[in-house]
Amino acid sequence: QVGHEPLPPTVGRNVLGRKVLYLPGFFTYARHIVEVDGKRGLFRGLTPRLISSTLSTITRGSVKKAFPLEDMEHVSNKDDVKTSLRKVVKETSHEMMMQCVSRVVSHPLHVISMRCMVQFVGREVKYSGVFSAIGRIFKEEGILGFFVGLVPHILGDVIFLWCCNLLAHFINTYAVDDNFSQASVIRSYTKFVMGIAVSMLTYPFLLVGDLMAVNNCGLRAGLPPYAPAFTSWIHCWRYLSAQGQLFRGSSLLFRRAPVPATCFPLD
């Protein structure tokens, strides 16, 4: 995601048989990290990430208990489209509230986790522990330092929830016939499939949020030549868009090198 490519691309062929440049994939870089840092290097930022996930789960549960959602009768008949749509909107609004609150609570630990991981780029040890990282961020950036990159993350979450739930609803309502014997089975998988598709479309929000979390924080990964000192997440978005890299890091295995390929290596 931060654009650090210490290993050169390799020549391969696409499905049409044309020669293309492929960047190293997940397993190649995993071996590279082990060679440089040992197996421990694969777990940089794990502790704050686990704490972040735990806080997110606890917060969602607390919000759900504090603001319970009234049960609504299951509706799937086309004759009750308005009722079923109202149910989806109500459930999505409730889910959005829980997600936004949990994101705000857990985001500071996500920032720390990101910064711990990207220290690999410059071989730094600025963020060595959760508590020391909290103190350093508060001292250097104040309370707002814990929430850099929060806005694009929340926007991505909100867009994902609404698109996923509404698309699943309309597909289940208009494309799946109630008379079909496997209708209930198909409906149970629709939201899952829509989640995969929508997550690909909202990936740029995740990328921008993660880049802002490390941008201009004193680590090499967040400074030139790896990235400009972005003034806002919109500036970061526009920069990545102009470079054609809004989906940078979205693939783990088959990673096409951007054109022109003269930017490798980056350091």
C-alpha atoms as a PDB file:
ATOM      1  CA  GLN A   1       0.000   0.000   0.000  1.00  0.00           C
ATOM      2  CA  VAL A   2       2.773   2.494   0.790  1.00  0.00           C
ATOM      3  CA  GLY A   3       4.471   1.806  -2.555  1.00  0.00           C
ATOM      4  CA  HIS A   4       7.674   0.290  -1.173  1.00  0.00           C
ATOM      5  CA  GLU A   5       8.938  -2.260  -3.716  1.00  0.00           C
ATOM      6  CA  PRO A   6      12.411  -3.417  -2.629  1.00  0.00           C
ATOM      7  CA  LEU A   7      12.338  -6.336  -5.062  1.00  0.00           C
ATOM      8  CA  PRO A   8      12.288  -5.811  -8.857  1.00  0.00           C
ATOM      9  CA  PRO A   9       9.355  -6.874 -11.044  1.00  0.00           C
ATOM     10  CA  THR A  10       9.559 -10.021 -13.136  1.00  0.00           C
ATOM     11  CA  VAL A  11       8.480 -10.622 -16.731  1.00  0.00           C
ATOM     12  CA  GLY A  12       5.435 -12.785 -17.191  1.00  0.00           C
ATOM     13  CA  ARG A  13       2.564 -13.314 -19.588  1.00  0.00           C
ATOM     14  CA  ASN A  14      -1.073 -12.375 -19.271  1.00  0.00           C
ATOM     15  CA  VAL A  15      -4.063 -14.450 -20.406  1.00  0.00           C
ATOM     16  CA  LEU A  16      -3.546 -13.220 -23.978  1.00  0.00           C
ATOM     17  CA  GLY A  17       0.055 -14.365 -23.981  1.00  0.00           C
ATOM     18  CA  ARG A  18       1.516 -10.862 -23.981  1.00  0.00           C
ATOM     19  CA  LYS A  19       4.585 -10.083 -21.914  1.00  0.00           C
ATOM     20  CA  VAL A  20       3.865  -7.951 -18.840  1.00  0.00           C
ATOM     21  CA  LEU A  21       5.746  -6.953 -15.715  1.00  0.00           C
ATOM     22  CA  TYR A  22       4.539  -8.504 -12.465  1.00  0.00           C
ATOM     23  CA  LEU A  23       5.456  -7.210  -9.014  1.00  0.00           C
ATOM     24  CA  PRO A  24       6.411  -9.740  -6.308  1.00  0.00           C
ATOM     25  CA  GLY A  25       3.390 -11.259  -4.567  1.00  0.00           C
ATOM     26  CA  PHE A  26       2.560 -12.056  -0.983  1.00  0.00           C
ATOM     27  CA  PHE A  27       4.682 -15.188  -0.595  1.00  0.00           C
ATOM     28  CA  THR A  28       7.743 -13.614  -2.244  1.00  0.00           C
ATOM     29  CA  TYR A  29       7.629 -10.645   0.098  1.00  0.00           C
ATOM     30  CA  ALA A  30       6.924 -12.878   3.095  1.00  0.00           C
ATOM     31  CA  ARG A  31      10.186 -14.709   2.349  1.00  0.00           C
ATOM     32  CA  HIS A  32      11.956 -11.366   1.905  1.00  0.00           C
ATOM     33  CA  ILE A  33      10.733 -10.130   5.294  1.00  0.00           C
ATOM     34  CA  VAL A  34      11.870 -13.356   6.960  1.00  0.00           C
ATOM     35  CA  GLU A  35      15.306 -12.970   5.354  1.00  0.00           C
ATOM     36  CA  VAL A  36      15.632  -9.392   6.618  1.00  0.00           C
ATOM     37  CA  ASP A  37      13.859  -9.482   9.992  1.00  0.00           C
ATOM     38  CA  GLY A  38      13.341 -13.149  10.716  1.00  0.00           C
ATOM     39  CA  LYS A  39       9.937 -14.723  11.269  1.00  0.00           C
ATOM     40  CA  ARG A  40       9.184 -12.118  13.913  1.00  0.00           C
ATOM     41  CA  GLY A  41       9.117  -9.512  11.175  1.00  0.00           C
ATOM     42  CA  LEU A  42       5.936 -11.049   9.773  1.00  0.00           C
ATOM     43  CA  PHE A  43       4.099 -10.018  12.939  1.00  0.00           C
ATOM     44  CA  ARG A  44       4.941  -6.317  13.096  1.00  0.00           C
ATOM     45  CA  GLY A  45       1.968  -4.378  14.436  1.00  0.00           C
ATOM     46  CA  LEU A  46       0.099  -7.514  15.509  1.00  0.00           C
ATOM     47  CA  THR A  47      -0.457  -6.470  19.139  1.00  0.00           C
ATOM     48  CA  PRO A  48      -2.115  -3.104  18.417  1.00  0.00           C
ATOM     49  CA  ARG A  49      -4.109  -4.726  15.604  1.00  0.00           C
ATOM     50  CA  LEU A  50      -5.475  -7.383  17.991  1.00  0.00           C
ATOM     51  CA  ILE A  51      -6.325  -4.707  20.556  1.00  0.00           C
ATOM     52  CA  SER A  52      -8.013  -2.662  17.831  1.00  0.00           C
ATOM     53  CA  SER A  53     -10.134  -5.635  16.726  1.00  0.00           C
ATOM     54  CA  THR A  54     -11.035  -6.434  20.340  1.00  0.00           C
ATOM     55  CA  LEU A  55     -12.093  -2.848  21.034  1.00  0.00           C
ATOM     56  CA  SER A  56     -14.153  -2.832  17.843  1.00  0.00           C
ATOM     57  CA  THR A  57     -15.986  -6.031  18.819  1.00  0.00           C
ATOM     58  CA  ILE A  58     -16.633  -4.873  22.386  1.00  0.00           C
ATOM     59  CA  THR A  59     -17.859  -1.468  21.203  1.00  0.00           C
ATOM     60  CA  ARG A  60     -20.244  -2.962  18.650  1.00  0.00           C
ATOM     61  CA  GLY A  61     -21.682  -5.236  21.320  1.00  0.00           C
ATOM     62  CA  SER A  62     -22.084  -2.366  23.792  1.00  0.00           C
ATOM     63  CA  VAL A  63     -23.775  -0.112  21.238  1.00  0.00           C
ATOM     64  CA  LYS A  64     -26.087  -2.936  20.183  1.00  0.00           C
ATOM     65  CA  LYS A  65     -27.155  -3.454  23.795  1.00  0.00           C
ATOM     66  CA  ALA A  66     -27.570   0.272  24.444  1.00  0.00           C
ATOM     67  CA  PHE A  67     -29.570   0.822  21.258  1.00  0.00           C
ATOM     68  CA  PRO A  68     -31.357  -2.453  20.466  1.00  0.00           C
ATOM     69  CA  LEU A  69     -32.976  -2.810  17.092  1.00  0.00           C
ATOM     70  CA  GLU A  70     -36.669  -3.600  17.171  1.00  0.00           C
ATOM     71  CA  ASP A  71     -37.443  -6.939  15.548  1.00  0.00           C
ATOM     72  CA  MET A  72     -39.285  -6.690  12.255  1.00  0.00           C
ATOM     73  CA  GLU A  73     -41.101  -9.513  10.575  1.00  0.00           C
ATOM     74  CA  HIS A  74     -39.155 -11.098   7.710  1.00  0.00           C
ATOM     75  CA  VAL A  75     -40.482  -9.825   4.397  1.00  0.00           C
ATOM     76  CA  SER A  76     -39.540 -11.186   0.993  1.00  0.00           C
ATOM     77  CA  ASN A  77     -42.759 -11.007  -1.019  1.00  0.00           C
ATOM     78  CA  LYS A  78     -42.743  -8.544  -3.927  1.00  0.00           C
ATOM     79  CA  ASP A  79     -46.123  -7.297  -2.759  1.00  0.00           C
ATOM     80  CA  ASP A  80     -44.418  -5.875   0.334  1.00  0.00           C
ATOM     81  CA  VAL A  81     -41.496  -4.124  -1.363  1.00  0.00           C
ATOM     82  CA  LYS A  82     -41.996  -0.881   0.553  1.00  0.00           C
ATOM     83  CA  THR A  83     -42.146  -2.703   3.870  1.00  0.00           C
ATOM     84  CA  SER A  84     -39.056  -4.812   3.132  1.00  0.00           C
ATOM     85  CA  LEU A  85     -37.099  -1.785   1.904  1.00  0.00           C
ATOM     86  CA  ARG A  86     -38.012   0.094   5.068  1.00  0.00           C
ATOM     87  CA  LYS A  87     -36.735  -2.871   7.070  1.00  0.00           C
ATOM     88  CA  VAL A  88     -33.419  -2.876   5.176  1.00  0.00           C
ATOM     89  CA  VAL A  89     -32.982   0.874   5.650  1.00  0.00           C
ATOM     90  CA  LYS A  90     -33.667   0.587   9.381  1.00  0.00           C
ATOM     91  CA  GLU A  91     -31.270  -2.327   9.836  1.00  0.00           C
ATOM     92  CA  THR A  92     -28.551  -0.678   7.758  1.00  0.00           C
ATOM     93  CA  SER A  93     -28.866   2.591   9.682  1.00  0.00           C
ATOM     94  CA  HIS A  94     -28.476   0.708  12.953  1.00  0.00           C
ATOM     95  CA  GLU A  95     -25.500  -1.256  11.608  1.00  0.00           C
ATOM     96  CA  MET A  96     -23.931   1.965  10.309  1.00  0.00           C
ATOM     97  CA  MET A  97     -24.190   3.572  13.745  1.00  0.00           C
ATOM     98  CA  MET A  98     -22.482   0.598  15.385  1.00  0.00           C
ATOM     99  CA  GLN A  99     -19.750   0.512  12.742  1.00  0.00           C
ATOM    100  CA  CYS A 100     -18.993   4.240  12.961  1.00  0.00           C
ATOM    101  CA  VAL A 101     -18.739   4.202  16.760  1.00  0.00           C
ATOM    102  CA  SER A 102     -16.544   1.099  16.780  1.00  0.00           C
ATOM    103  CA  ARG A 103     -14.331   2.591  14.057  1.00  0.00           C
ATOM    104  CA  VAL A 104     -13.785   5.789  16.066  1.00  0.00           C
ATOM    105  CA  VAL A 105     -12.920   3.839  19.227  1.00  0.00           C
ATOM    106  CA  SER A 106     -10.546   1.376  17.549  1.00  0.00           C
ATOM    107  CA  HIS A 107      -8.903   3.716  15.024  1.00  0.00           C
ATOM    108  CA  PRO A 108      -6.068   4.983  17.312  1.00  0.00           C
ATOM    109  CA  LEU A 109      -4.780   1.418  17.661  1.00  0.00           C
ATOM    110  CA  HIS A 110      -5.103   0.933  13.901  1.00  0.00           C
ATOM    111  CA  VAL A 111      -2.875   3.987  13.374  1.00  0.00           C
ATOM    112  CA  ILE A 112      -0.269   2.544  15.733  1.00  0.00           C
ATOM    113  CA  SER A 113      -0.448  -0.831  14.005  1.00  0.00           C
ATOM    114  CA  MET A 114       0.101   0.733  10.577  1.00  0.00           C
ATOM    115  CA  ARG A 115       3.097   2.734  11.787  1.00  0.00           C
ATOM    116  CA  CYS A 116       4.650  -0.308  13.433  1.00  0.00           C
ATOM    117  CA  MET A 117       4.389  -2.232  10.163  1.00  0.00           C
ATOM    118  CA  VAL A 118       5.765   0.439   7.830  1.00  0.00           C
ATOM    119  CA  GLN A 119       8.878   0.875   9.970  1.00  0.00           C
ATOM    120  CA  PHE A 120      10.191  -2.027   7.902  1.00  0.00           C
ATOM    121  CA  VAL A 121      10.685   0.402   4.997  1.00  0.00           C
ATOM    122  CA  GLY A 122      13.210   2.644   6.749  1.00  0.00           C
ATOM    123  CA  ARG A 123      14.460   0.144   9.339  1.00  0.00           C
ATOM    124  CA  GLU A 124      13.196   2.427  12.126  1.00  0.00           C
ATOM    125  CA  VAL A 125      12.303   1.620  15.727  1.00  0.00           C
ATOM    126  CA  LYS A 126      10.322   4.740  16.530  1.00  0.00           C
ATOM    127  CA  TYR A 127       7.215   2.783  17.484  1.00  0.00           C
ATOM    128  CA  SER A 128       8.333  -0.167  19.569  1.00  0.00           C
ATOM    129  CA  GLY A 129       5.337  -0.736  21.837  1.00  0.00           C
ATOM    130  CA  VAL A 130       1.697   0.223  22.263  1.00  0.00           C
ATOM    131  CA  PHE A 131       2.102   2.464  25.319  1.00  0.00           C
ATOM    132  CA  SER A 132       5.277   4.149  24.088  1.00  0.00           C
ATOM    133  CA  ALA A 133       3.587   4.729  20.712  1.00  0.00           C
ATOM    134  CA  ILE A 134       0.579   6.327  22.417  1.00  0.00           C
ATOM    135  CA  GLY A 135       2.860   8.682  24.329  1.00  0.00           C
ATOM    136  CA  ARG A 136       4.897   9.580  21.245  1.00  0.00           C
ATOM    137  CA  ILE A 137       1.879  10.310  19.061  1.00  0.00           C
ATOM    138  CA  PHE A 138       0.251  12.435  21.769  1.00  0.00           C
ATOM    139  CA  LYS A 139       3.469  14.376  22.316  1.00  0.00           C
ATOM    140  CA  GLU A 140       4.234  14.999  18.635  1.00  0.00           C
ATOM    141  CA  GLU A 141       0.763  15.321  17.087  1.00  0.00           C
ATOM    142  CA  GLY A 142      -1.700  15.787  19.910  1.00  0.00           C
ATOM    143  CA  ILE A 143      -5.037  14.023  20.214  1.00  0.00           C
ATOM    144  CA  LEU A 144      -5.767  14.469  16.499  1.00  0.00           C
ATOM    145  CA  GLY A 145      -2.751  12.314  15.681  1.00  0.00           C
ATOM    146  CA  PHE A 146      -4.711   9.267  16.777  1.00  0.00           C
ATOM    147  CA  PHE A 147      -7.440   9.931  14.218  1.00  0.00           C
ATOM    148  CA  VAL A 148      -5.527  10.632  11.003  1.00  0.00           C
ATOM    149  CA  GLY A 149      -7.129   8.710   8.165  1.00  0.00           C
ATOM    150  CA  LEU A 150     -10.374   8.227  10.093  1.00  0.00           C
ATOM    151  CA  VAL A 151     -12.657  10.058   7.621  1.00  0.00           C
ATOM    152  CA  PRO A 152     -11.913   7.913   4.526  1.00  0.00           C
ATOM    153  CA  HIS A 153     -12.213   4.765   6.634  1.00  0.00           C
ATOM    154  CA  ILE A 154     -15.649   5.792   7.894  1.00  0.00           C
ATOM    155  CA  LEU A 155     -16.775   6.845   4.418  1.00  0.00           C
ATOM    156  CA  GLY A 156     -15.650   3.492   3.056  1.00  0.00           C
ATOM    157  CA  ASP A 157     -17.521   1.657   5.816  1.00  0.00           C
ATOM    158  CA  VAL A 158     -20.729   3.635   5.251  1.00  0.00           C
ATOM    159  CA  ILE A 159     -20.668   3.261   1.459  1.00  0.00           C
ATOM    160  CA  PHE A 160     -19.908  -0.454   1.808  1.00  0.00           C
ATOM    161  CA  LEU A 161     -22.809  -1.078   4.181  1.00  0.00           C
ATOM    162  CA  TRP A 162     -25.424   0.792   2.168  1.00  0.00           C
ATOM    163  CA  CYS A 163     -24.350  -0.528  -1.232  1.00  0.00           C
ATOM    164  CA  CYS A 164     -24.016  -4.104  -0.022  1.00  0.00           C
ATOM    165  CA  ASN A 165     -27.339  -4.204   1.827  1.00  0.00           C
ATOM    166  CA  LEU A 166     -29.367  -2.356  -0.809  1.00  0.00           C
ATOM    167  CA  LEU A 167     -27.945  -4.362  -3.712  1.00  0.00           C
ATOM    168  CA  ALA A 168     -28.605  -7.622  -1.873  1.00  0.00           C
ATOM    169  CA  HIS A 169     -32.142  -6.477  -1.107  1.00  0.00           C
ATOM    170  CA  PHE A 170     -32.992  -5.548  -4.699  1.00  0.00           C
ATOM    171  CA  ILE A 171     -31.459  -8.756  -6.075  1.00  0.00           C
ATOM    172  CA  ASN A 172     -33.349 -10.898  -3.574  1.00  0.00           C
ATOM    173  CA  THR A 173     -36.575  -9.006  -4.273  1.00  0.00           C
ATOM    174  CA  TYR A 174     -36.549  -8.745  -8.055  1.00  0.00           C
ATOM    175  CA  ALA A 175     -34.151 -11.440  -9.286  1.00  0.00           C
ATOM    176  CA  VAL A 176     -34.973 -14.345  -6.967  1.00  0.00           C
ATOM    177  CA  ASP A 177     -38.451 -15.821  -7.316  1.00  0.00           C
ATOM    178  CA  ASP A 178     -40.159 -16.979  -4.127  1.00  0.00           C
ATOM    179  CA  ASN A 179     -41.533 -19.982  -6.017  1.00  0.00           C
ATOM    180  CA  PHE A 180     -38.025 -21.251  -6.707  1.00  0.00           C
ATOM    181  CA  SER A 181     -37.198 -24.195  -4.425  1.00  0.00           C
ATOM    182  CA  GLN A 182     -33.700 -22.908  -3.613  1.00  0.00           C
ATOM    183  CA  ALA A 183     -34.738 -19.266  -3.146  1.00  0.00           C
ATOM    184  CA  SER A 184     -33.863 -19.164   0.553  1.00  0.00           C
ATOM    185  CA  VAL A 185     -30.423 -20.677  -0.082  1.00  0.00           C
ATOM    186  CA  ILE A 186     -29.647 -18.181  -2.833  1.00  0.00           C
ATOM    187  CA  ARG A 187     -30.772 -15.268  -0.667  1.00  0.00           C
ATOM    188  CA  SER A 188     -28.501 -16.400   2.144  1.00  0.00           C
ATOM    189  CA  TYR A 189     -25.463 -16.066  -0.137  1.00  0.00           C
ATOM    190  CA  THR A 190     -26.452 -12.874  -1.971  1.00  0.00           C
ATOM    191  CA  LYS A 191     -25.217 -10.510   0.728  1.00  0.00           C
ATOM    192  CA  PHE A 192     -21.932 -12.398   1.006  1.00  0.00           C
ATOM    193  CA  VAL A 193     -21.288 -12.152  -2.744  1.00  0.00           C
ATOM    194  CA  MET A 194     -22.296  -8.489  -2.802  1.00  0.00           C
ATOM    195  CA  GLY A 195     -19.911  -7.860   0.094  1.00  0.00           C
ATOM    196  CA  ILE A 196     -16.983  -9.189  -1.921  1.00  0.00           C
ATOM    197  CA  ALA A 197     -17.904  -7.105  -4.966  1.00  0.00           C
ATOM    198  CA  VAL A 198     -18.541  -3.884  -3.051  1.00  0.00           C
ATOM    199  CA  SER A 199     -15.375  -4.264  -0.955  1.00  0.00           C
ATOM    200  CA  MET A 200     -13.361  -4.165  -4.168  1.00  0.00           C
ATOM    201  CA  LEU A 201     -15.041  -0.889  -5.161  1.00  0.00           C
ATOM    202  CA  THR A 202     -14.531   0.724  -1.744  1.00  0.00           C
ATOM    203  CA  TYR A 203     -10.895  -0.398  -1.436  1.00  0.00           C
ATOM    204  CA  PRO A 204      -9.540   3.080  -2.362  1.00  0.00           C
ATOM    205  CA  PHE A 205     -11.028   4.470   0.873  1.00  0.00           C
ATOM    206  CA  LEU A 206      -9.124   1.829   2.854  1.00  0.00           C
ATOM    207  CA  LEU A 207      -5.921   2.606   0.971  1.00  0.00           C
ATOM    208  CA  VAL A 208      -6.201   6.374   1.447  1.00  0.00           C
ATOM    209  CA  GLY A 209      -7.042   5.970   5.134  1.00  0.00           C
ATOM    210  CA  ASP A 210      -4.028   3.735   5.732  1.00  0.00           C
ATOM    211  CA  LEU A 211      -1.691   6.056   3.817  1.00  0.00           C
ATOM    212  CA  MET A 212      -2.891   9.058   5.816  1.00  0.00           C
ATOM    213  CA  ALA A 213      -2.242   7.102   9.033  1.00  0.00           C
ATOM    214  CA  VAL A 214       1.479   6.978   8.218  1.00  0.00           C
ATOM    215  CA  ASN A 215       1.864  10.126   6.119  1.00  0.00           C
ATOM    216  CA  ASN A 216       4.316  12.737   7.370  1.00  0.00           C
ATOM    217  CA  CYS A 217       4.680  11.039  10.774  1.00  0.00           C
ATOM    218  CA  GLY A 218       8.470  10.957  10.706  1.00  0.00           C
ATOM    219  CA  LEU A 219       8.815   7.518   9.137  1.00  0.00           C
ATOM    220  CA  ARG A 220      10.409   7.058   5.706  1.00  0.00           C
ATOM    221  CA  ALA A 221       7.325   5.301   4.365  1.00  0.00           C
ATOM    222  CA  GLY A 222       5.308   8.483   4.873  1.00  0.00           C
ATOM    223  CA  LEU A 223       7.823  10.914   3.418  1.00  0.00           C
ATOM    224  CA  PRO A 224       9.273  11.602  -0.051  1.00  0.00           C
ATOM    225  CA  PRO A 225      10.233   9.809  -2.238  1.00  0.00           C
ATOM    226  CA  TYR A 226       7.627   7.261  -1.140  1.00  0.00           C
ATOM    227  CA  ALA A 227       4.822   9.787  -0.802  1.00  0.00           C
ATOM    228  CA  PRO A 228       4.315  13.554  -0.734  1.00  0.00           C
ATOM    229  CA  ALA A 229       3.369  15.232   2.520  1.00  0.00           C
ATOM    230  CA  PHE A 230      -0.378  15.173   1.914  1.00  0.00           C
ATOM    231  CA  THR A 231      -2.376  18.089   3.285  1.00  0.00           C
ATOM    232  CA  SER A 232      -5.613  16.072   3.456  1.00  0.00           C
ATOM    233  CA  TRP A 233      -7.076  12.727   2.498  1.00  0.00           C
ATOM    234  CA  ILE A 234      -8.614  14.359  -0.580  1.00  0.00           C
ATOM    235  CA  HIS A 235      -5.123  15.464  -1.651  1.00  0.00           C
ATOM    236  CA  CYS A 236      -3.954  11.867  -1.174  1.00  0.00           C
ATOM    237  CA  TRP A 237      -6.910  10.540  -3.191  1.00  0.00           C
ATOM    238  CA  ARG A 238      -6.247  12.936  -6.076  1.00  0.00           C
ATOM    239  CA  TYR A 239      -2.550  12.069  -6.097  1.00  0.00           C
ATOM    240  CA  LEU A 240      -3.216   8.320  -6.246  1.00  0.00           C
ATOM    241  CA  SER A 241      -5.902   8.829  -8.884  1.00  0.00           C
ATOM    242  CA  ALA A 242      -3.525  10.825 -11.076  1.00  0.00           C
ATOM    243  CA  GLN A 243      -0.941   8.051 -10.698  1.00  0.00           C
ATOM    244  CA  GLY A 244      -3.514   5.351 -11.459  1.00  0.00           C
ATOM    245  CA  GLN A 245      -2.802   3.708  -8.104  1.00  0.00           C
ATOM    246  CA  LEU A 246      -6.105   3.892  -6.229  1.00  0.00           C
ATOM    247  CA  PHE A 247      -6.094   0.080  -6.037  1.00  0.00           C
ATOM    248  CA  ARG A 248      -2.433  -0.280  -5.107  1.00  0.00           C
ATOM    249  CA  GLY A 249      -1.957  -3.250  -2.819  1.00  0.00           C
ATOM    250  CA  SER A 250      -5.431  -4.692  -3.397  1.00  0.00           C
ATOM    251  CA  SER A 251      -4.063  -7.896  -4.923  1.00  0.00           C
ATOM    252  CA  LEU A 252      -1.904 -10.346  -2.993  1.00  0.00           C
ATOM    253  CA  LEU A 253      -0.728 -12.580  -5.815  1.00  0.00           C
ATOM    254  CA  PHE A 254      -1.002 -11.296  -9.395  1.00  0.00           C
ATOM    255  CA  ARG A 255       0.240  -7.717  -9.154  1.00  0.00           C
ATOM    256  CA  ARG A 256       0.736  -5.909 -12.438  1.00  0.00           C
ATOM    257  CA  ALA A 257       3.510  -3.313 -12.430  1.00  0.00           C
ATOM    258  CA  PRO A 258       2.152   0.169 -13.166  1.00  0.00           C
ATOM    259  CA  VAL A 259       3.141   1.958 -16.364  1.00  0.00           C
ATOM    260  CA  PRO A 260       5.675   3.399 -16.725  1.00  0.00           C
ATOM    261  CA  ALA A 261       7.696   0.730 -14.943  1.00  0.00           C
ATOM    262  CA  THR A 262      10.752   2.958 -14.603  1.00  0.00           C
ATOM    263  CA  CYS A 263       9.756   3.764 -11.032  1.00  0.00           C
ATOM    264  CA  PHE A 264      11.267   0.520  -9.720  1.00  0.00           C
ATOM    265  CA  PRO A 265      12.926   0.300  -7.360  1.00  0.00           C
ATOM    266  CA  LEU A 266      11.443   3.196  -5.388  1.00  0.00           C
ATOM    267  CA  ASP A 267      14.293   3.729  -2.956  1.00  0.00           C
END
